[in-house]
Amino acid sequence: MMFSMLSLIVNAIVITAIGVELVAIALGVASADQLLIVSAISGLSTALSFKLSKDALAKLKNEPVSIDTSAGKREVAPGEYNLYEAMEAHLAWKRRLTNYLDGRSAEELHPHIICLDNRCSLGEWLYGSGRTRFGDSELFKRLTDEHALFHFHASKVVEAHQSGNRTLAYRILSEDFARQSKRTVDCLTQLNMQVEGNEA
């Protein structure tokens, strides 16, 4: 329960910081130093929330847990799917895309593949055993939708870069992709909180 409350507080701080940052950017009223401070607060809050989720999700490796669905509670077997690894993999995409845009990566990225939300391990789980077990959960449905948009925006970053529009690529990365990344991780965090709440 303490984790849930602390996570909610941290997420509220993150959402507020990102909102302030986006408004300041849109209005062009913030100085570079002010934006840097807001970005730092947002980044620290996200890191703290991620650490709390990581600690709580580590418990999922060895214990069966249940999650609420419209049909009642369903049990998740130990090791069925590691939500922590899903969060980690999707948070790593920002670094991966940034390195790609900055020319620090020799990785070949293909928008027509990146946009497929069923190719990563989370997508395989969402469209496979996860859907079988939790497909009637509203939170699960929202996670599936947010995850699909995450891959859509990631592919748009690469597509803009490959068409020679670096400015657009960086804008999509810092706005649309960043917002969708947060929504996807928020859904994963909420799913974990729901699972943790069912353990109590």
N, C-alpha and C. Protein backbone atom coordinates (compact mmCIF):
# COMPACT_ATOMS: atom_id res chain seq x y z
N MET A 1 0.83 -1.19 0.00
CA MET A 1 0.00 0.00 0.00
C MET A 1 0.87 1.25 0.00
N MET A 2 1.97 1.23 0.76
CA MET A 2 2.87 2.39 0.81
C MET A 2 3.45 2.66 -0.58
N PHE A 3 3.82 1.58 -1.29
CA PHE A 3 4.34 1.74 -2.65
C PHE A 3 3.31 2.43 -3.54
N SER A 4 2.06 1.99 -3.44
CA SER A 4 1.01 2.55 -4.29
C SER A 4 0.86 4.05 -4.06
N MET A 5 0.81 4.48 -2.81
CA MET A 5 0.65 5.90 -2.50
C MET A 5 1.86 6.70 -2.98
N LEU A 6 3.06 6.19 -2.70
CA LEU A 6 4.27 6.89 -3.12
C LEU A 6 4.35 6.97 -4.64
N SER A 7 4.00 5.89 -5.30
CA SER A 7 4.02 5.87 -6.76
C SER A 7 3.02 6.88 -7.33
N LEU A 8 1.84 6.98 -6.73
CA LEU A 8 0.85 7.96 -7.18
C LEU A 8 1.38 9.38 -7.04
N ILE A 9 2.03 9.68 -5.92
CA ILE A 9 2.59 11.01 -5.69
C ILE A 9 3.67 11.32 -6.73
N VAL A 10 4.57 10.36 -6.94
CA VAL A 10 5.65 10.57 -7.90
C VAL A 10 5.08 10.75 -9.30
N ASN A 11 4.09 9.94 -9.67
CA ASN A 11 3.48 10.08 -10.99
C ASN A 11 2.79 11.43 -11.16
N ALA A 12 2.16 11.94 -10.09
CA ALA A 12 1.54 13.27 -10.15
C ALA A 12 2.59 14.34 -10.40
N ILE A 13 3.75 14.21 -9.76
CA ILE A 13 4.84 15.17 -9.97
C ILE A 13 5.33 15.10 -11.42
N VAL A 14 5.49 13.89 -11.93
CA VAL A 14 5.96 13.71 -13.31
C VAL A 14 4.98 14.35 -14.29
N ILE A 15 3.70 14.06 -14.11
CA ILE A 15 2.68 14.59 -15.02
C ILE A 15 2.67 16.12 -14.97
N THR A 16 2.76 16.68 -13.77
CA THR A 16 2.78 18.14 -13.63
C THR A 16 4.01 18.74 -14.31
N ALA A 17 5.18 18.14 -14.09
CA ALA A 17 6.41 18.66 -14.68
C ALA A 17 6.36 18.59 -16.20
N ILE A 18 5.88 17.49 -16.73
CA ILE A 18 5.79 17.35 -18.19
C ILE A 18 4.78 18.35 -18.75
N GLY A 19 3.65 18.53 -18.05
CA GLY A 19 2.65 19.50 -18.48
C GLY A 19 3.21 20.91 -18.53
N VAL A 20 3.92 21.30 -17.48
CA VAL A 20 4.53 22.63 -17.44
C VAL A 20 5.54 22.78 -18.56
N GLU A 21 6.34 21.75 -18.77
CA GLU A 21 7.36 21.78 -19.82
C GLU A 21 6.72 21.95 -21.20
N LEU A 22 5.67 21.18 -21.47
CA LEU A 22 5.01 21.25 -22.78
C LEU A 22 4.34 22.61 -23.01
N VAL A 23 3.70 23.15 -21.96
CA VAL A 23 3.07 24.47 -22.09
C VAL A 23 4.12 25.54 -22.34
N ALA A 24 5.22 25.47 -21.59
CA ALA A 24 6.30 26.46 -21.75
C ALA A 24 6.89 26.39 -23.15
N ILE A 25 7.06 25.19 -23.66
CA ILE A 25 7.59 25.03 -25.02
C ILE A 25 6.60 25.59 -26.04
N ALA A 26 5.32 25.23 -25.87
CA ALA A 26 4.30 25.68 -26.82
C ALA A 26 4.17 27.20 -26.84
N LEU A 27 4.25 27.82 -25.68
CA LEU A 27 4.10 29.27 -25.61
C LEU A 27 5.41 30.01 -25.86
N GLY A 28 6.51 29.29 -25.80
CA GLY A 28 7.82 29.90 -26.00
C GLY A 28 8.18 30.90 -24.92
N VAL A 29 7.67 30.67 -23.70
CA VAL A 29 7.89 31.65 -22.63
C VAL A 29 9.01 31.26 -21.67
N ALA A 30 9.49 30.07 -21.76
CA ALA A 30 10.50 29.62 -20.80
C ALA A 30 11.89 29.79 -21.40
N SER A 31 12.81 30.11 -20.53
CA SER A 31 14.20 30.19 -20.97
C SER A 31 14.77 28.79 -21.05
N ALA A 32 15.90 28.65 -21.67
CA ALA A 32 16.54 27.33 -21.78
C ALA A 32 16.86 26.78 -20.39
N ASP A 33 17.30 27.65 -19.47
CA ASP A 33 17.61 27.20 -18.11
C ASP A 33 16.37 26.70 -17.39
N GLN A 34 15.25 27.40 -17.56
CA GLN A 34 14.01 26.98 -16.92
C GLN A 34 13.55 25.63 -17.46
N LEU A 35 13.63 25.45 -18.77
CA LEU A 35 13.24 24.17 -19.36
C LEU A 35 14.15 23.05 -18.89
N LEU A 36 15.43 23.36 -18.73
CA LEU A 36 16.38 22.36 -18.24
C LEU A 36 16.03 21.92 -16.83
N ILE A 37 15.64 22.86 -15.98
CA ILE A 37 15.26 22.53 -14.60
C ILE A 37 14.00 21.67 -14.59
N VAL A 38 12.98 22.06 -15.36
CA VAL A 38 11.74 21.29 -15.42
C VAL A 38 12.01 19.89 -15.97
N SER A 39 12.85 19.80 -17.00
CA SER A 39 13.20 18.49 -17.56
C SER A 39 13.93 17.62 -16.54
N ALA A 40 14.80 18.23 -15.76
CA ALA A 40 15.54 17.48 -14.74
C ALA A 40 14.59 16.95 -13.68
N ILE A 41 13.64 17.78 -13.24
CA ILE A 41 12.66 17.34 -12.24
C ILE A 41 11.83 16.20 -12.81
N SER A 42 11.38 16.36 -14.04
CA SER A 42 10.59 15.32 -14.69
C SER A 42 11.38 14.02 -14.80
N GLY A 43 12.64 14.13 -15.21
CA GLY A 43 13.49 12.94 -15.35
C GLY A 43 13.74 12.25 -14.02
N LEU A 44 14.02 13.03 -12.97
CA LEU A 44 14.25 12.44 -11.65
C LEU A 44 12.99 11.77 -11.13
N SER A 45 11.85 12.41 -11.32
CA SER A 45 10.59 11.83 -10.87
C SER A 45 10.29 10.53 -11.60
N THR A 46 10.52 10.53 -12.91
CA THR A 46 10.30 9.31 -13.69
C THR A 46 11.24 8.20 -13.24
N ALA A 47 12.50 8.54 -12.98
CA ALA A 47 13.47 7.55 -12.52
C ALA A 47 13.06 6.97 -11.17
N LEU A 48 12.57 7.83 -10.26
CA LEU A 48 12.13 7.36 -8.94
C LEU A 48 10.93 6.44 -9.08
N SER A 49 9.96 6.84 -9.91
CA SER A 49 8.79 6.02 -10.14
C SER A 49 9.19 4.67 -10.73
N PHE A 50 10.12 4.69 -11.69
CA PHE A 50 10.61 3.48 -12.32
C PHE A 50 11.30 2.57 -11.30
N LYS A 51 12.11 3.16 -10.40
CA LYS A 51 12.81 2.39 -9.37
C LYS A 51 11.81 1.73 -8.43
N LEU A 52 10.78 2.49 -8.02
CA LEU A 52 9.75 1.91 -7.15
C LEU A 52 9.04 0.77 -7.84
N SER A 53 8.71 0.96 -9.12
CA SER A 53 8.05 -0.09 -9.88
C SER A 53 8.96 -1.30 -10.03
N LYS A 54 10.25 -1.05 -10.28
CA LYS A 54 11.22 -2.13 -10.43
C LYS A 54 11.27 -2.98 -9.17
N ASP A 55 11.33 -2.32 -8.00
CA ASP A 55 11.39 -3.06 -6.74
C ASP A 55 10.14 -3.89 -6.51
N ALA A 56 8.98 -3.28 -6.79
CA ALA A 56 7.74 -4.01 -6.59
C ALA A 56 7.59 -5.14 -7.61
N LEU A 57 8.00 -4.89 -8.85
CA LEU A 57 7.87 -5.91 -9.88
C LEU A 57 8.82 -7.08 -9.66
N ALA A 58 9.92 -6.83 -8.99
CA ALA A 58 10.86 -7.91 -8.70
C ALA A 58 10.18 -9.00 -7.88
N LYS A 59 9.20 -8.61 -7.07
CA LYS A 59 8.47 -9.59 -6.27
C LYS A 59 7.66 -10.54 -7.15
N LEU A 60 7.30 -10.09 -8.36
CA LEU A 60 6.46 -10.91 -9.23
C LEU A 60 7.18 -12.14 -9.77
N LYS A 61 8.50 -12.12 -9.71
CA LYS A 61 9.24 -13.23 -10.30
C LYS A 61 9.00 -14.55 -9.59
N ASN A 62 8.77 -14.51 -8.28
CA ASN A 62 8.70 -15.74 -7.52
C ASN A 62 7.34 -16.04 -6.90
N GLU A 63 6.38 -15.15 -7.05
CA GLU A 63 5.10 -15.36 -6.41
C GLU A 63 3.97 -15.31 -7.44
N PRO A 64 3.00 -16.23 -7.34
CA PRO A 64 1.83 -16.08 -8.20
C PRO A 64 1.02 -14.90 -7.69
N VAL A 65 0.44 -14.13 -8.59
CA VAL A 65 -0.38 -12.99 -8.22
C VAL A 65 -1.66 -13.02 -9.05
N SER A 66 -2.62 -12.18 -8.68
CA SER A 66 -3.86 -12.12 -9.44
C SER A 66 -4.14 -10.69 -9.86
N ILE A 67 -4.95 -10.56 -10.89
CA ILE A 67 -5.31 -9.24 -11.40
C ILE A 67 -6.82 -9.22 -11.60
N ASP A 68 -7.44 -8.05 -11.37
CA ASP A 68 -8.88 -7.91 -11.56
C ASP A 68 -9.22 -7.82 -13.04
N THR A 69 -10.21 -8.57 -13.45
CA THR A 69 -10.77 -8.46 -14.79
C THR A 69 -12.28 -8.36 -14.62
N SER A 70 -13.00 -8.09 -15.67
CA SER A 70 -14.46 -8.00 -15.54
C SER A 70 -15.07 -9.35 -15.19
N ALA A 71 -14.35 -10.42 -15.45
CA ALA A 71 -14.83 -11.76 -15.11
C ALA A 71 -14.37 -12.20 -13.73
N GLY A 72 -13.69 -11.32 -12.99
CA GLY A 72 -13.18 -11.66 -11.67
C GLY A 72 -11.67 -11.68 -11.67
N LYS A 73 -11.10 -12.25 -10.61
CA LYS A 73 -9.64 -12.28 -10.50
C LYS A 73 -9.07 -13.45 -11.30
N ARG A 74 -7.92 -13.20 -11.94
CA ARG A 74 -7.19 -14.24 -12.66
C ARG A 74 -5.78 -14.29 -12.12
N GLU A 75 -5.23 -15.48 -11.99
CA GLU A 75 -3.88 -15.63 -11.44
C GLU A 75 -2.83 -15.58 -12.53
N VAL A 76 -1.70 -14.92 -12.21
CA VAL A 76 -0.54 -14.87 -13.10
C VAL A 76 0.51 -15.78 -12.48
N ALA A 77 0.96 -16.76 -13.22
CA ALA A 77 1.97 -17.68 -12.71
C ALA A 77 3.32 -16.98 -12.63
N PRO A 78 4.17 -17.40 -11.67
CA PRO A 78 5.51 -16.81 -11.58
C PRO A 78 6.25 -16.96 -12.91
N GLY A 79 6.90 -15.90 -13.33
CA GLY A 79 7.69 -15.96 -14.55
C GLY A 79 6.90 -15.90 -15.83
N GLU A 80 5.56 -15.78 -15.75
CA GLU A 80 4.77 -15.75 -16.98
C GLU A 80 5.18 -14.57 -17.85
N TYR A 81 5.24 -13.39 -17.25
CA TYR A 81 5.72 -12.23 -17.98
C TYR A 81 6.29 -11.24 -16.99
N ASN A 82 7.43 -10.69 -17.32
CA ASN A 82 8.11 -9.77 -16.43
C ASN A 82 7.80 -8.33 -16.85
N LEU A 83 6.89 -7.68 -16.11
CA LEU A 83 6.50 -6.31 -16.43
C LEU A 83 7.66 -5.34 -16.27
N TYR A 84 8.55 -5.62 -15.34
CA TYR A 84 9.73 -4.76 -15.14
C TYR A 84 10.57 -4.73 -16.42
N GLU A 85 10.80 -5.89 -17.00
CA GLU A 85 11.60 -5.93 -18.23
C GLU A 85 10.90 -5.19 -19.37
N ALA A 86 9.57 -5.26 -19.40
CA ALA A 86 8.82 -4.52 -20.42
C ALA A 86 9.01 -3.02 -20.24
N MET A 87 8.94 -2.55 -18.99
CA MET A 87 9.16 -1.13 -18.73
C MET A 87 10.57 -0.72 -19.14
N GLU A 88 11.53 -1.53 -18.73
CA GLU A 88 12.93 -1.22 -19.01
C GLU A 88 13.18 -1.15 -20.53
N ALA A 89 12.64 -2.12 -21.25
CA ALA A 89 12.84 -2.16 -22.71
C ALA A 89 12.21 -0.95 -23.40
N HIS A 90 11.04 -0.55 -22.94
CA HIS A 90 10.36 0.57 -23.58
C HIS A 90 10.96 1.92 -23.17
N LEU A 91 11.47 2.01 -21.96
CA LEU A 91 12.18 3.24 -21.57
C LEU A 91 13.49 3.37 -22.35
N ALA A 92 14.10 2.25 -22.70
CA ALA A 92 15.37 2.27 -23.44
C ALA A 92 15.20 2.79 -24.87
N TRP A 93 13.98 2.76 -25.38
CA TRP A 93 13.74 3.24 -26.75
C TRP A 93 14.11 4.70 -26.92
N LYS A 94 13.91 5.54 -25.92
CA LYS A 94 14.26 6.97 -26.08
C LYS A 94 15.76 7.11 -26.32
N ARG A 95 16.56 6.40 -25.54
CA ARG A 95 18.02 6.43 -25.72
C ARG A 95 18.38 5.85 -27.08
N ARG A 96 17.74 4.78 -27.46
CA ARG A 96 18.01 4.14 -28.74
C ARG A 96 17.71 5.09 -29.91
N LEU A 97 16.57 5.76 -29.85
CA LEU A 97 16.20 6.70 -30.91
C LEU A 97 17.09 7.94 -30.90
N THR A 98 17.42 8.43 -29.72
CA THR A 98 18.31 9.60 -29.62
C THR A 98 19.67 9.28 -30.22
N ASN A 99 20.22 8.13 -29.88
CA ASN A 99 21.51 7.72 -30.45
C ASN A 99 21.42 7.60 -31.97
N TYR A 100 20.32 7.09 -32.46
CA TYR A 100 20.11 6.95 -33.90
C TYR A 100 20.07 8.33 -34.57
N LEU A 101 19.31 9.25 -34.00
CA LEU A 101 19.20 10.60 -34.58
C LEU A 101 20.52 11.36 -34.51
N ASP A 102 21.27 11.14 -33.44
CA ASP A 102 22.55 11.84 -33.26
C ASP A 102 23.70 11.20 -34.03
N GLY A 103 23.43 10.08 -34.71
CA GLY A 103 24.47 9.41 -35.47
C GLY A 103 25.43 8.61 -34.62
N ARG A 104 25.04 8.31 -33.39
CA ARG A 104 25.90 7.52 -32.49
C ARG A 104 25.56 6.04 -32.52
N SER A 105 24.73 5.64 -33.46
CA SER A 105 24.32 4.25 -33.56
C SER A 105 24.41 3.80 -35.01
N ALA A 106 24.98 2.63 -35.20
CA ALA A 106 25.06 2.05 -36.55
C ALA A 106 23.86 1.15 -36.81
N GLU A 107 22.96 1.08 -35.83
CA GLU A 107 21.79 0.22 -35.94
C GLU A 107 20.91 0.66 -37.11
N GLU A 108 20.44 -0.32 -37.86
CA GLU A 108 19.49 -0.03 -38.94
C GLU A 108 18.09 -0.15 -38.37
N LEU A 109 17.36 0.95 -38.42
CA LEU A 109 15.98 0.96 -37.93
C LEU A 109 15.04 1.12 -39.12
N HIS A 110 13.96 0.35 -39.10
CA HIS A 110 13.01 0.34 -40.21
C HIS A 110 11.62 0.70 -39.68
N PRO A 111 11.07 1.84 -40.11
CA PRO A 111 9.77 2.28 -39.60
C PRO A 111 8.66 1.25 -39.81
N HIS A 112 8.69 0.54 -40.95
CA HIS A 112 7.64 -0.43 -41.22
C HIS A 112 7.69 -1.63 -40.27
N ILE A 113 8.81 -1.83 -39.60
CA ILE A 113 8.92 -2.90 -38.60
C ILE A 113 8.66 -2.34 -37.20
N ILE A 114 9.22 -1.17 -36.91
CA ILE A 114 9.05 -0.56 -35.59
C ILE A 114 7.57 -0.33 -35.27
N CYS A 115 6.77 0.02 -36.28
CA CYS A 115 5.36 0.32 -36.04
C CYS A 115 4.54 -0.91 -35.66
N LEU A 116 5.09 -2.10 -35.82
CA LEU A 116 4.38 -3.33 -35.48
C LEU A 116 4.45 -3.55 -33.97
N ASP A 117 3.32 -3.41 -33.30
CA ASP A 117 3.30 -3.49 -31.84
C ASP A 117 3.24 -4.92 -31.31
N ASN A 118 3.23 -5.89 -32.19
CA ASN A 118 3.17 -7.29 -31.74
C ASN A 118 4.51 -8.01 -31.90
N ARG A 119 5.59 -7.28 -32.23
CA ARG A 119 6.88 -7.91 -32.48
C ARG A 119 7.80 -7.93 -31.26
N CYS A 120 7.65 -6.98 -30.33
CA CYS A 120 8.49 -6.98 -29.13
C CYS A 120 7.90 -7.97 -28.12
N SER A 121 8.63 -8.26 -27.06
CA SER A 121 8.16 -9.26 -26.10
C SER A 121 6.86 -8.83 -25.42
N LEU A 122 6.72 -7.53 -25.13
CA LEU A 122 5.46 -7.06 -24.53
C LEU A 122 4.32 -7.25 -25.52
N GLY A 123 4.53 -6.90 -26.78
CA GLY A 123 3.50 -7.07 -27.79
C GLY A 123 3.10 -8.53 -27.97
N GLU A 124 4.09 -9.41 -27.96
CA GLU A 124 3.79 -10.85 -28.06
C GLU A 124 2.92 -11.29 -26.89
N TRP A 125 3.24 -10.79 -25.69
CA TRP A 125 2.46 -11.14 -24.51
C TRP A 125 1.06 -10.53 -24.59
N LEU A 126 0.97 -9.25 -25.02
CA LEU A 126 -0.32 -8.58 -25.10
C LEU A 126 -1.27 -9.29 -26.07
N TYR A 127 -0.73 -9.80 -27.18
CA TYR A 127 -1.57 -10.46 -28.17
C TYR A 127 -1.61 -11.97 -28.00
N GLY A 128 -0.89 -12.48 -27.01
CA GLY A 128 -0.85 -13.92 -26.76
C GLY A 128 -1.44 -14.26 -25.41
N SER A 129 -0.58 -14.79 -24.53
CA SER A 129 -1.07 -15.27 -23.24
C SER A 129 -1.65 -14.17 -22.37
N GLY A 130 -1.16 -12.94 -22.51
CA GLY A 130 -1.73 -11.83 -21.74
C GLY A 130 -3.18 -11.58 -22.12
N ARG A 131 -3.46 -11.57 -23.41
CA ARG A 131 -4.84 -11.35 -23.88
C ARG A 131 -5.75 -12.50 -23.45
N THR A 132 -5.23 -13.72 -23.52
CA THR A 132 -6.02 -14.87 -23.11
C THR A 132 -6.43 -14.75 -21.65
N ARG A 133 -5.50 -14.31 -20.81
CA ARG A 133 -5.77 -14.24 -19.38
C ARG A 133 -6.46 -12.95 -18.95
N PHE A 134 -6.11 -11.80 -19.55
CA PHE A 134 -6.57 -10.51 -19.04
C PHE A 134 -7.29 -9.66 -20.08
N GLY A 135 -7.65 -10.25 -21.20
CA GLY A 135 -8.23 -9.48 -22.30
C GLY A 135 -9.48 -8.72 -21.96
N ASP A 136 -10.20 -9.11 -20.91
CA ASP A 136 -11.42 -8.39 -20.55
C ASP A 136 -11.17 -7.31 -19.50
N SER A 137 -9.92 -7.09 -19.12
CA SER A 137 -9.57 -6.02 -18.18
C SER A 137 -9.45 -4.70 -18.94
N GLU A 138 -10.13 -3.66 -18.46
CA GLU A 138 -10.06 -2.34 -19.11
C GLU A 138 -8.63 -1.80 -19.10
N LEU A 139 -7.91 -2.02 -18.01
CA LEU A 139 -6.53 -1.56 -17.93
C LEU A 139 -5.67 -2.27 -18.96
N PHE A 140 -5.89 -3.56 -19.13
CA PHE A 140 -5.15 -4.33 -20.13
C PHE A 140 -5.44 -3.80 -21.54
N LYS A 141 -6.71 -3.51 -21.81
CA LYS A 141 -7.09 -2.97 -23.12
C LYS A 141 -6.42 -1.62 -23.36
N ARG A 142 -6.39 -0.78 -22.32
CA ARG A 142 -5.76 0.53 -22.46
C ARG A 142 -4.26 0.38 -22.69
N LEU A 143 -3.63 -0.55 -21.97
CA LEU A 143 -2.20 -0.82 -22.17
C LEU A 143 -1.94 -1.24 -23.61
N THR A 144 -2.78 -2.10 -24.15
CA THR A 144 -2.62 -2.55 -25.53
C THR A 144 -2.70 -1.37 -26.51
N ASP A 145 -3.67 -0.49 -26.29
CA ASP A 145 -3.82 0.69 -27.17
C ASP A 145 -2.63 1.64 -27.03
N GLU A 146 -2.23 1.93 -25.79
CA GLU A 146 -1.11 2.85 -25.57
C GLU A 146 0.18 2.28 -26.16
N HIS A 147 0.37 0.99 -26.02
CA HIS A 147 1.57 0.33 -26.54
C HIS A 147 1.60 0.42 -28.07
N ALA A 148 0.45 0.26 -28.72
CA ALA A 148 0.39 0.38 -30.19
C ALA A 148 0.78 1.79 -30.62
N LEU A 149 0.31 2.80 -29.91
CA LEU A 149 0.66 4.19 -30.24
C LEU A 149 2.13 4.48 -29.96
N PHE A 150 2.69 3.84 -28.94
CA PHE A 150 4.12 3.96 -28.64
C PHE A 150 4.93 3.56 -29.87
N HIS A 151 4.61 2.41 -30.44
CA HIS A 151 5.34 1.93 -31.62
C HIS A 151 5.08 2.81 -32.84
N PHE A 152 3.86 3.32 -32.97
CA PHE A 152 3.53 4.23 -34.07
C PHE A 152 4.43 5.47 -34.02
N HIS A 153 4.52 6.11 -32.85
CA HIS A 153 5.32 7.33 -32.73
C HIS A 153 6.82 7.04 -32.87
N ALA A 154 7.28 5.90 -32.37
CA ALA A 154 8.70 5.53 -32.55
C ALA A 154 9.00 5.40 -34.04
N SER A 155 8.09 4.79 -34.78
CA SER A 155 8.32 4.63 -36.23
C SER A 155 8.30 5.98 -36.94
N LYS A 156 7.49 6.92 -36.47
CA LYS A 156 7.42 8.25 -37.08
C LYS A 156 8.72 9.04 -36.86
N VAL A 157 9.37 8.83 -35.71
CA VAL A 157 10.67 9.47 -35.46
C VAL A 157 11.67 9.02 -36.53
N VAL A 158 11.75 7.71 -36.73
CA VAL A 158 12.70 7.15 -37.69
C VAL A 158 12.32 7.56 -39.12
N GLU A 159 11.05 7.53 -39.42
CA GLU A 159 10.57 7.91 -40.76
C GLU A 159 10.95 9.36 -41.08
N ALA A 160 10.74 10.27 -40.14
CA ALA A 160 11.08 11.68 -40.35
C ALA A 160 12.59 11.84 -40.56
N HIS A 161 13.38 11.14 -39.76
CA HIS A 161 14.84 11.22 -39.87
C HIS A 161 15.30 10.70 -41.23
N GLN A 162 14.75 9.58 -41.65
CA GLN A 162 15.17 8.98 -42.91
C GLN A 162 14.73 9.80 -44.12
N SER A 163 13.69 10.62 -43.95
CA SER A 163 13.27 11.49 -45.05
C SER A 163 14.03 12.82 -45.04
N GLY A 164 14.99 12.95 -44.10
CA GLY A 164 15.84 14.13 -44.05
C GLY A 164 15.32 15.27 -43.19
N ASN A 165 14.22 15.04 -42.49
CA ASN A 165 13.64 16.10 -41.66
C ASN A 165 14.02 15.87 -40.19
N ARG A 166 15.26 16.23 -39.87
CA ARG A 166 15.77 16.02 -38.50
C ARG A 166 15.00 16.84 -37.47
N THR A 167 14.59 18.05 -37.84
CA THR A 167 13.85 18.90 -36.91
C THR A 167 12.54 18.22 -36.51
N LEU A 168 11.83 17.70 -37.48
CA LEU A 168 10.58 16.99 -37.20
C LEU A 168 10.85 15.74 -36.38
N ALA A 169 11.90 15.01 -36.71
CA ALA A 169 12.25 13.79 -35.97
C ALA A 169 12.48 14.10 -34.49
N TYR A 170 13.25 15.15 -34.21
CA TYR A 170 13.51 15.53 -32.81
C TYR A 170 12.24 16.03 -32.12
N ARG A 171 11.38 16.73 -32.85
CA ARG A 171 10.13 17.21 -32.26
C ARG A 171 9.22 16.03 -31.89
N ILE A 172 9.09 15.08 -32.80
CA ILE A 172 8.27 13.89 -32.51
C ILE A 172 8.85 13.14 -31.31
N LEU A 173 10.17 13.01 -31.28
CA LEU A 173 10.83 12.31 -30.18
C LEU A 173 10.55 13.00 -28.85
N SER A 174 10.68 14.32 -28.81
CA SER A 174 10.55 15.04 -27.54
C SER A 174 9.10 15.31 -27.14
N GLU A 175 8.19 15.23 -28.08
CA GLU A 175 6.79 15.51 -27.75
C GLU A 175 5.93 14.24 -27.83
N ASP A 176 5.53 13.86 -29.05
CA ASP A 176 4.60 12.74 -29.22
C ASP A 176 5.14 11.43 -28.65
N PHE A 177 6.38 11.11 -29.01
CA PHE A 177 6.96 9.86 -28.52
C PHE A 177 7.13 9.89 -27.01
N ALA A 178 7.65 11.00 -26.46
CA ALA A 178 7.87 11.10 -25.01
C ALA A 178 6.55 10.95 -24.26
N ARG A 179 5.51 11.61 -24.75
CA ARG A 179 4.19 11.53 -24.11
C ARG A 179 3.67 10.09 -24.17
N GLN A 180 3.82 9.44 -25.33
CA GLN A 180 3.30 8.07 -25.47
C GLN A 180 4.12 7.08 -24.66
N SER A 181 5.41 7.31 -24.56
CA SER A 181 6.27 6.45 -23.75
C SER A 181 5.81 6.50 -22.30
N LYS A 182 5.53 7.70 -21.81
CA LYS A 182 5.07 7.87 -20.43
C LYS A 182 3.74 7.17 -20.23
N ARG A 183 2.82 7.31 -21.17
CA ARG A 183 1.51 6.66 -21.04
C ARG A 183 1.65 5.13 -21.00
N THR A 184 2.53 4.60 -21.83
CA THR A 184 2.73 3.14 -21.84
C THR A 184 3.31 2.67 -20.51
N VAL A 185 4.33 3.36 -20.02
CA VAL A 185 4.95 2.99 -18.74
C VAL A 185 3.96 3.20 -17.60
N ASP A 186 3.13 4.25 -17.68
CA ASP A 186 2.10 4.47 -16.65
C ASP A 186 1.13 3.29 -16.60
N CYS A 187 0.71 2.79 -17.76
CA CYS A 187 -0.19 1.63 -17.79
C CYS A 187 0.47 0.41 -17.18
N LEU A 188 1.75 0.20 -17.51
CA LEU A 188 2.47 -0.93 -16.92
C LEU A 188 2.57 -0.76 -15.40
N THR A 189 2.82 0.47 -14.94
CA THR A 189 2.90 0.74 -13.50
C THR A 189 1.54 0.49 -12.84
N GLN A 190 0.47 0.96 -13.47
CA GLN A 190 -0.87 0.75 -12.91
C GLN A 190 -1.23 -0.73 -12.88
N LEU A 191 -0.83 -1.46 -13.90
CA LEU A 191 -1.08 -2.90 -13.91
C LEU A 191 -0.37 -3.55 -12.73
N ASN A 192 0.87 -3.13 -12.50
CA ASN A 192 1.61 -3.64 -11.36
C ASN A 192 0.94 -3.26 -10.05
N MET A 193 0.47 -2.02 -9.94
CA MET A 193 -0.19 -1.58 -8.71
C MET A 193 -1.46 -2.38 -8.47
N GLN A 194 -2.18 -2.69 -9.53
CA GLN A 194 -3.39 -3.49 -9.39
C GLN A 194 -3.04 -4.90 -8.91
N VAL A 195 -1.99 -5.45 -9.49
CA VAL A 195 -1.53 -6.78 -9.07
C VAL A 195 -1.09 -6.73 -7.61
N GLU A 196 -0.30 -5.70 -7.25
CA GLU A 196 0.17 -5.57 -5.87
C GLU A 196 -0.99 -5.39 -4.91
N GLY A 197 -2.00 -4.62 -5.30
CA GLY A 197 -3.18 -4.41 -4.45
C GLY A 197 -3.94 -5.69 -4.22
N ASN A 198 -3.94 -6.58 -5.20
CA ASN A 198 -4.63 -7.86 -5.05
C ASN A 198 -3.88 -8.81 -4.14
N GLU A 199 -2.56 -8.57 -3.96
CA GLU A 199 -1.78 -9.42 -3.07
C GLU A 199 -2.11 -9.14 -1.61
N ALA A 200 -2.48 -7.89 -1.31
CA ALA A 200 -2.71 -7.48 0.08
C ALA A 200 -3.93 -8.13 0.68
